[in-house]
């Protein structure tokens, strides 16, 4: 019986890593669509979210099934809880990719500000790096690496603040202003993806230590209760 239980746990973790790869694909697609003003690619990102949702639901159902048949204790229970939380964080990341793609579709007819677009490429690359780093830290049970995500997140936060300053500097150009306001939401989406990566780091530390603590204020009230 124990072997079966362990196999199920391993499968859930493998599925979680696969979901992470899907989120990375969605993020890369969303950023490329934005940079290239590619509406078709934006549509693909939006449609691709169904694939992420399928994996999210499969993991959630796998956890429910496992808990119905098994009674995990101590570290095994912490692992199940960590998988449950990380699954939710990945699904939320994918949602932010969809929002970015939708905003690209809404604003593709406007001439973009080159400096901002370059900034988004940088933010996207940093967010991608954070997702990979977070999932790798979880796979290796590396609590210190999980906590290192806080410093990585600060770079995305700074980039987000620069976007706000840039948009505020647009002045009276109505068309640029409208585009800029939409880009503020894109920037916020990328910043939140970074926060969710930090949350995955927190789950890794919880799994290793048995104590949950927030590294920063990465978890915002708006995300509480989302399923």
C-alpha atoms as a PDB file:
ATOM      1  CA  UNK A   1       0.000   0.000   0.000  1.00  0.00           C
ATOM      2  CA  UNK A   2       2.817   2.358   0.933  1.00  0.00           C
ATOM      3  CA  UNK A   3       4.495   1.992  -2.465  1.00  0.00           C
ATOM      4  CA  UNK A   4       1.274   2.902  -4.257  1.00  0.00           C
ATOM      5  CA  UNK A   5       0.906   5.997  -2.079  1.00  0.00           C
ATOM      6  CA  UNK A   6       4.477   7.088  -2.810  1.00  0.00           C
ATOM      7  CA  UNK A   7       3.955   6.492  -6.518  1.00  0.00           C
ATOM      8  CA  UNK A   8       0.867   8.690  -6.442  1.00  0.00           C
ATOM      9  CA  UNK A   9       2.803  11.450  -4.701  1.00  0.00           C
ATOM     10  CA  UNK A  10       5.566  11.188  -7.294  1.00  0.00           C
ATOM     11  CA  UNK A  11       3.036  11.368 -10.108  1.00  0.00           C
ATOM     12  CA  UNK A  12       1.409  14.471  -8.616  1.00  0.00           C
ATOM     13  CA  UNK A  13       4.800  16.156  -8.400  1.00  0.00           C
ATOM     14  CA  UNK A  14       5.626  15.210 -12.000  1.00  0.00           C
ATOM     15  CA  UNK A  15       2.262  16.603 -13.126  1.00  0.00           C
ATOM     16  CA  UNK A  16       2.967  19.807 -11.211  1.00  0.00           C
ATOM     17  CA  UNK A  17       6.287  20.255 -13.019  1.00  0.00           C
ATOM     18  CA  UNK A  18       4.534  19.616 -16.338  1.00  0.00           C
ATOM     19  CA  UNK A  19       1.940  22.259 -15.475  1.00  0.00           C
ATOM     20  CA  UNK A  20       4.831  24.617 -14.779  1.00  0.00           C
ATOM     21  CA  UNK A  21       6.186  24.012 -18.273  1.00  0.00           C
ATOM     22  CA  UNK A  22       2.770  24.858 -19.707  1.00  0.00           C
ATOM     23  CA  UNK A  23       2.695  28.104 -17.727  1.00  0.00           C
ATOM     24  CA  UNK A  24       6.150  28.966 -19.066  1.00  0.00           C
ATOM     25  CA  UNK A  25       4.886  28.395 -22.618  1.00  0.00           C
ATOM     26  CA  UNK A  26       1.903  30.650 -21.942  1.00  0.00           C
ATOM     27  CA  UNK A  27       4.129  33.369 -20.493  1.00  0.00           C
ATOM     28  CA  UNK A  28       6.564  33.240 -23.401  1.00  0.00           C
ATOM     29  CA  UNK A  29       3.677  33.352 -25.878  1.00  0.00           C
ATOM     30  CA  UNK A  30       2.038  36.280 -24.103  1.00  0.00           C
ATOM     31  CA  UNK A  31       5.253  38.318 -24.064  1.00  0.00           C
ATOM     32  CA  UNK A  32       6.052  37.513 -27.708  1.00  0.00           C
ATOM     33  CA  UNK A  33       2.510  38.473 -28.748  1.00  0.00           C
ATOM     34  CA  UNK A  34       2.880  41.773 -26.913  1.00  0.00           C
ATOM     35  CA  UNK A  35       6.312  42.590 -28.306  1.00  0.00           C
ATOM     36  CA  UNK A  36       5.396  41.620 -31.861  1.00  0.00           C
ATOM     37  CA  UNK A  37       1.822  43.000 -31.644  1.00  0.00           C
ATOM     38  CA  UNK A  38       0.734  39.566 -32.876  1.00  0.00           C
ATOM     39  CA  UNK A  39      -3.031  39.126 -32.443  1.00  0.00           C
ATOM     40  CA  UNK A  40      -3.043  35.517 -33.694  1.00  0.00           C
ATOM     41  CA  UNK A  41      -0.418  34.528 -31.150  1.00  0.00           C
ATOM     42  CA  UNK A  42      -2.425  36.318 -28.448  1.00  0.00           C
ATOM     43  CA  UNK A  43      -5.454  34.212 -29.458  1.00  0.00           C
ATOM     44  CA  UNK A  44      -3.333  31.055 -29.165  1.00  0.00           C
ATOM     45  CA  UNK A  45      -2.258  32.030 -25.641  1.00  0.00           C
ATOM     46  CA  UNK A  46      -5.898  32.586 -24.644  1.00  0.00           C
ATOM     47  CA  UNK A  47      -6.981  29.218 -26.110  1.00  0.00           C
ATOM     48  CA  UNK A  48      -3.968  27.452 -24.555  1.00  0.00           C
ATOM     49  CA  UNK A  49      -5.253  28.320 -21.081  1.00  0.00           C
ATOM     50  CA  UNK A  50      -7.694  25.388 -21.413  1.00  0.00           C
ATOM     51  CA  UNK A  51      -4.666  23.069 -21.433  1.00  0.00           C
ATOM     52  CA  UNK A  52      -3.342  24.612 -18.218  1.00  0.00           C
ATOM     53  CA  UNK A  53      -6.776  24.406 -16.587  1.00  0.00           C
ATOM     54  CA  UNK A  54      -7.037  20.705 -17.499  1.00  0.00           C
ATOM     55  CA  UNK A  55      -3.755  20.014 -15.735  1.00  0.00           C
ATOM     56  CA  UNK A  56      -4.760  22.144 -12.764  1.00  0.00           C
ATOM     57  CA  UNK A  57      -8.019  20.204 -12.354  1.00  0.00           C
ATOM     58  CA  UNK A  58      -6.308  16.830 -12.856  1.00  0.00           C
ATOM     59  CA  UNK A  59      -3.884  17.612 -10.014  1.00  0.00           C
ATOM     60  CA  UNK A  60      -6.684  18.852  -7.757  1.00  0.00           C
ATOM     61  CA  UNK A  61      -8.739  15.708  -8.446  1.00  0.00           C
ATOM     62  CA  UNK A  62      -5.652  13.544  -7.895  1.00  0.00           C
ATOM     63  CA  UNK A  63      -5.151  15.130  -4.472  1.00  0.00           C
ATOM     64  CA  UNK A  64      -8.816  14.678  -3.529  1.00  0.00           C
ATOM     65  CA  UNK A  65      -8.691  11.041  -4.611  1.00  0.00           C
ATOM     66  CA  UNK A  66      -5.495  10.416  -2.671  1.00  0.00           C
ATOM     67  CA  UNK A  67      -6.849  12.013   0.513  1.00  0.00           C
ATOM     68  CA  UNK A  68     -10.061   9.990   0.223  1.00  0.00           C
ATOM     69  CA  UNK A  69      -8.087   6.738   0.256  1.00  0.00           C
ATOM     70  CA  UNK A  70      -5.010   7.558   2.314  1.00  0.00           C
ATOM     71  CA  UNK A  71      -4.261   9.362   5.546  1.00  0.00           C
ATOM     72  CA  UNK A  72      -0.913  11.063   5.022  1.00  0.00           C
ATOM     73  CA  UNK A  73       0.885  12.355   8.119  1.00  0.00           C
ATOM     74  CA  UNK A  74       3.841  14.628   8.871  1.00  0.00           C
ATOM     75  CA  UNK A  75       6.020  15.333   5.840  1.00  0.00           C
ATOM     76  CA  UNK A  76       3.730  13.518   3.413  1.00  0.00           C
ATOM     77  CA  UNK A  77       0.785  15.660   4.476  1.00  0.00           C
ATOM     78  CA  UNK A  78       2.923  18.795   4.093  1.00  0.00           C
ATOM     79  CA  UNK A  79       3.869  17.652   0.590  1.00  0.00           C
ATOM     80  CA  UNK A  80       0.220  17.159  -0.387  1.00  0.00           C
ATOM     81  CA  UNK A  81      -0.657  20.618   0.977  1.00  0.00           C
ATOM     82  CA  UNK A  82       2.317  22.202  -0.813  1.00  0.00           C
ATOM     83  CA  UNK A  83       1.287  20.596  -4.118  1.00  0.00           C
ATOM     84  CA  UNK A  84      -2.268  21.876  -3.591  1.00  0.00           C
ATOM     85  CA  UNK A  85      -1.042  25.446  -3.056  1.00  0.00           C
ATOM     86  CA  UNK A  86       1.565  25.430  -5.838  1.00  0.00           C
ATOM     87  CA  UNK A  87      -1.052  24.079  -8.258  1.00  0.00           C
ATOM     88  CA  UNK A  88      -3.219  27.114  -7.490  1.00  0.00           C
ATOM     89  CA  UNK A  89      -0.302  29.535  -7.884  1.00  0.00           C
ATOM     90  CA  UNK A  90       0.543  28.104 -11.312  1.00  0.00           C
ATOM     91  CA  UNK A  91      -3.082  28.355 -12.446  1.00  0.00           C
ATOM     92  CA  UNK A  92      -3.188  32.007 -11.360  1.00  0.00           C
ATOM     93  CA  UNK A  93       0.036  32.713 -13.287  1.00  0.00           C
ATOM     94  CA  UNK A  94      -1.575  31.303 -16.427  1.00  0.00           C
ATOM     95  CA  UNK A  95      -4.586  33.584 -15.854  1.00  0.00           C
ATOM     96  CA  UNK A  96      -2.259  36.597 -15.839  1.00  0.00           C
ATOM     97  CA  UNK A  97      -0.796  35.425 -19.150  1.00  0.00           C
ATOM     98  CA  UNK A  98      -4.321  35.351 -20.595  1.00  0.00           C
ATOM     99  CA  UNK A  99      -4.997  38.877 -19.332  1.00  0.00           C
ATOM    100  CA  UNK A 100      -1.780  40.054 -20.991  1.00  0.00           C
ATOM    101  CA  UNK A 101      -2.799  38.414 -24.272  1.00  0.00           C
ATOM    102  CA  UNK A 102      -6.261  40.012 -24.137  1.00  0.00           C
ATOM    103  CA  UNK A 103      -4.742  43.451 -23.521  1.00  0.00           C
ATOM    104  CA  UNK A 104      -2.412  42.906 -26.485  1.00  0.00           C
ATOM    105  CA  UNK A 105      -5.465  42.278 -28.673  1.00  0.00           C
ATOM    106  CA  UNK A 106      -7.179  45.404 -27.377  1.00  0.00           C
ATOM    107  CA  UNK A 107      -4.187  47.669 -27.969  1.00  0.00           C
ATOM    108  CA  UNK A 108      -2.441  46.253 -31.043  1.00  0.00           C
ATOM    109  CA  UNK A 109      -3.665  49.068 -33.295  1.00  0.00           C
ATOM    110  CA  UNK A 110      -1.827  51.680 -31.211  1.00  0.00           C
ATOM    111  CA  UNK A 111       1.824  52.507 -31.780  1.00  0.00           C
ATOM    112  CA  UNK A 112       3.682  51.111 -28.769  1.00  0.00           C
ATOM    113  CA  UNK A 113       6.334  52.923 -26.771  1.00  0.00           C
ATOM    114  CA  UNK A 114       9.641  51.120 -27.593  1.00  0.00           C
ATOM    115  CA  UNK A 115      11.122  51.707 -24.135  1.00  0.00           C
ATOM    116  CA  UNK A 116       8.132  50.100 -22.437  1.00  0.00           C
ATOM    117  CA  UNK A 117       8.079  47.142 -24.804  1.00  0.00           C
ATOM    118  CA  UNK A 118      11.763  46.517 -24.063  1.00  0.00           C
ATOM    119  CA  UNK A 119      10.933  46.723 -20.358  1.00  0.00           C
ATOM    120  CA  UNK A 120       8.255  44.069 -20.745  1.00  0.00           C
ATOM    121  CA  UNK A 121      10.694  41.743 -22.504  1.00  0.00           C
ATOM    122  CA  UNK A 122      12.976  42.111 -19.493  1.00  0.00           C
ATOM    123  CA  UNK A 123      10.157  41.596 -16.975  1.00  0.00           C
ATOM    124  CA  UNK A 124       8.935  38.539 -18.892  1.00  0.00           C
ATOM    125  CA  UNK A 125      12.410  37.008 -18.915  1.00  0.00           C
ATOM    126  CA  UNK A 126      12.781  37.615 -15.179  1.00  0.00           C
ATOM    127  CA  UNK A 127       9.347  36.136 -14.456  1.00  0.00           C
ATOM    128  CA  UNK A 128      10.232  33.064 -16.523  1.00  0.00           C
ATOM    129  CA  UNK A 129      13.495  32.684 -14.627  1.00  0.00           C
ATOM    130  CA  UNK A 130      11.639  32.945 -11.308  1.00  0.00           C
ATOM    131  CA  UNK A 131       9.114  30.250 -12.251  1.00  0.00           C
ATOM    132  CA  UNK A 132      11.899  27.854 -13.273  1.00  0.00           C
ATOM    133  CA  UNK A 133      13.892  28.675 -10.138  1.00  0.00           C
ATOM    134  CA  UNK A 134      10.857  28.209  -7.866  1.00  0.00           C
ATOM    135  CA  UNK A 135       9.874  24.843  -9.332  1.00  0.00           C
ATOM    136  CA  UNK A 136      13.473  23.640  -9.245  1.00  0.00           C
ATOM    137  CA  UNK A 137      13.797  24.686  -5.588  1.00  0.00           C
ATOM    138  CA  UNK A 138      10.610  22.749  -4.817  1.00  0.00           C
ATOM    139  CA  UNK A 139      11.826  19.655  -6.672  1.00  0.00           C
ATOM    140  CA  UNK A 140      15.145  19.764  -4.764  1.00  0.00           C
ATOM    141  CA  UNK A 141      13.513  20.703  -1.429  1.00  0.00           C
ATOM    142  CA  UNK A 142      15.867  23.686  -1.301  1.00  0.00           C
ATOM    143  CA  UNK A 143      14.431  26.179   1.202  1.00  0.00           C
ATOM    144  CA  UNK A 144      17.330  28.624   0.801  1.00  0.00           C
ATOM    145  CA  UNK A 145      16.817  28.767  -2.957  1.00  0.00           C
ATOM    146  CA  UNK A 146      13.117  29.346  -2.296  1.00  0.00           C
ATOM    147  CA  UNK A 147      13.942  32.348  -0.146  1.00  0.00           C
ATOM    148  CA  UNK A 148      16.348  33.709  -2.789  1.00  0.00           C
ATOM    149  CA  UNK A 149      13.257  34.373  -4.924  1.00  0.00           C
ATOM    150  CA  UNK A 150      12.579  37.455  -2.785  1.00  0.00           C
ATOM    151  CA  UNK A 151      15.623  39.252  -4.218  1.00  0.00           C
ATOM    152  CA  UNK A 152      14.669  38.193  -7.760  1.00  0.00           C
ATOM    153  CA  UNK A 153      11.170  39.507  -7.168  1.00  0.00           C
ATOM    154  CA  UNK A 154      12.482  42.905  -6.134  1.00  0.00           C
ATOM    155  CA  UNK A 155      13.914  43.352  -9.655  1.00  0.00           C
ATOM    156  CA  UNK A 156      10.461  42.773 -11.174  1.00  0.00           C
ATOM    157  CA  UNK A 157       8.904  45.143  -8.628  1.00  0.00           C
ATOM    158  CA  UNK A 158      11.394  47.845  -9.610  1.00  0.00           C
ATOM    159  CA  UNK A 159      10.663  47.289 -13.299  1.00  0.00           C
ATOM    160  CA  UNK A 160       6.948  47.636 -12.537  1.00  0.00           C
ATOM    161  CA  UNK A 161       7.582  50.974 -10.819  1.00  0.00           C
ATOM    162  CA  UNK A 162       9.556  52.158 -13.871  1.00  0.00           C
ATOM    163  CA  UNK A 163       6.600  51.262 -16.115  1.00  0.00           C
ATOM    164  CA  UNK A 164       4.284  53.381 -13.949  1.00  0.00           C
ATOM    165  CA  UNK A 165       6.693  56.327 -14.110  1.00  0.00           C
ATOM    166  CA  UNK A 166       7.017  55.954 -17.879  1.00  0.00           C
ATOM    167  CA  UNK A 167       3.252  55.891 -18.443  1.00  0.00           C
ATOM    168  CA  UNK A 168       2.795  58.928 -16.205  1.00  0.00           C
ATOM    169  CA  UNK A 169       5.314  60.786 -18.376  1.00  0.00           C
ATOM    170  CA  UNK A 170       3.224  60.363 -21.556  1.00  0.00           C
ATOM    171  CA  UNK A 171       1.392  63.623 -20.911  1.00  0.00           C
ATOM    172  CA  UNK A 172      -1.393  64.669 -23.269  1.00  0.00           C
ATOM    173  CA  UNK A 173      -0.915  62.196 -26.114  1.00  0.00           C
ATOM    174  CA  UNK A 174      -4.384  60.584 -25.914  1.00  0.00           C
ATOM    175  CA  UNK A 175      -3.569  57.502 -28.004  1.00  0.00           C
ATOM    176  CA  UNK A 176      -0.321  56.793 -26.173  1.00  0.00           C
ATOM    177  CA  UNK A 177      -2.112  57.415 -22.900  1.00  0.00           C
ATOM    178  CA  UNK A 178      -4.791  54.795 -23.678  1.00  0.00           C
ATOM    179  CA  UNK A 179      -2.132  52.266 -24.700  1.00  0.00           C
ATOM    180  CA  UNK A 180      -0.122  53.113 -21.586  1.00  0.00           C
ATOM    181  CA  UNK A 181      -3.043  52.525 -19.238  1.00  0.00           C
ATOM    182  CA  UNK A 182      -3.502  49.033 -20.648  1.00  0.00           C
ATOM    183  CA  UNK A 183       0.209  48.425 -20.299  1.00  0.00           C
ATOM    184  CA  UNK A 184      -0.002  49.320 -16.614  1.00  0.00           C
ATOM    185  CA  UNK A 185      -2.250  46.273 -16.201  1.00  0.00           C
ATOM    186  CA  UNK A 186       0.200  44.125 -18.191  1.00  0.00           C
ATOM    187  CA  UNK A 187       3.000  45.281 -15.910  1.00  0.00           C
ATOM    188  CA  UNK A 188       0.904  44.470 -12.872  1.00  0.00           C
ATOM    189  CA  UNK A 189       0.216  40.976 -14.258  1.00  0.00           C
ATOM    190  CA  UNK A 190       3.938  40.298 -14.665  1.00  0.00           C
ATOM    191  CA  UNK A 191       4.611  41.649 -11.194  1.00  0.00           C
ATOM    192  CA  UNK A 192       1.962  39.312  -9.739  1.00  0.00           C
ATOM    193  CA  UNK A 193       3.494  36.318 -11.557  1.00  0.00           C
ATOM    194  CA  UNK A 194       6.706  37.124  -9.686  1.00  0.00           C
ATOM    195  CA  UNK A 195       4.784  37.252  -6.402  1.00  0.00           C
ATOM    196  CA  UNK A 196       3.281  33.816  -7.077  1.00  0.00           C
ATOM    197  CA  UNK A 197       6.775  32.441  -7.724  1.00  0.00           C
ATOM    198  CA  UNK A 198       7.785  33.752  -4.273  1.00  0.00           C
ATOM    199  CA  UNK A 199       4.722  31.991  -2.851  1.00  0.00           C
ATOM    200  CA  UNK A 200       6.001  28.714  -4.352  1.00  0.00           C
ATOM    201  CA  UNK A 201       9.300  29.371  -2.579  1.00  0.00           C
ATOM    202  CA  UNK A 202       7.375  29.789   0.680  1.00  0.00           C
ATOM    203  CA  UNK A 203       5.674  26.432   0.128  1.00  0.00           C
ATOM    204  CA  UNK A 204       9.091  24.833  -0.381  1.00  0.00           C
ATOM    205  CA  UNK A 205      10.350  26.278   2.920  1.00  0.00           C
ATOM    206  CA  UNK A 206       7.153  25.030   4.619  1.00  0.00           C
ATOM    207  CA  UNK A 207       7.695  21.554   3.207  1.00  0.00           C
ATOM    208  CA  UNK A 208      11.294  21.442   4.456  1.00  0.00           C
ATOM    209  CA  UNK A 209      10.822  23.047   7.894  1.00  0.00           C
ATOM    210  CA  UNK A 210       7.234  22.233   8.811  1.00  0.00           C
ATOM    211  CA  UNK A 211       6.627  25.900   9.634  1.00  0.00           C
ATOM    212  CA  UNK A 212       4.857  28.285   7.287  1.00  0.00           C
ATOM    213  CA  UNK A 213       6.096  31.856   7.155  1.00  0.00           C
ATOM    214  CA  UNK A 214       5.818  34.565   4.558  1.00  0.00           C
ATOM    215  CA  UNK A 215       9.129  35.785   3.153  1.00  0.00           C
ATOM    216  CA  UNK A 216       7.533  39.091   2.131  1.00  0.00           C
ATOM    217  CA  UNK A 217       4.040  40.485   1.596  1.00  0.00           C
ATOM    218  CA  UNK A 218       3.912  38.687  -1.770  1.00  0.00           C
ATOM    219  CA  UNK A 219       0.492  37.207  -1.012  1.00  0.00           C
ATOM    220  CA  UNK A 220      -2.051  39.939  -1.481  1.00  0.00           C
ATOM    221  CA  UNK A 221      -5.610  39.917  -0.076  1.00  0.00           C
ATOM    222  CA  UNK A 222      -7.054  39.853  -3.631  1.00  0.00           C
ATOM    223  CA  UNK A 223      -5.806  36.288  -4.062  1.00  0.00           C
ATOM    224  CA  UNK A 224      -7.312  34.863  -0.896  1.00  0.00           C
ATOM    225  CA  UNK A 225     -10.143  32.510  -1.459  1.00  0.00           C
ATOM    226  CA  UNK A 226      -9.574  32.081  -5.202  1.00  0.00           C
ATOM    227  CA  UNK A 227     -10.167  28.551  -6.469  1.00  0.00           C
END
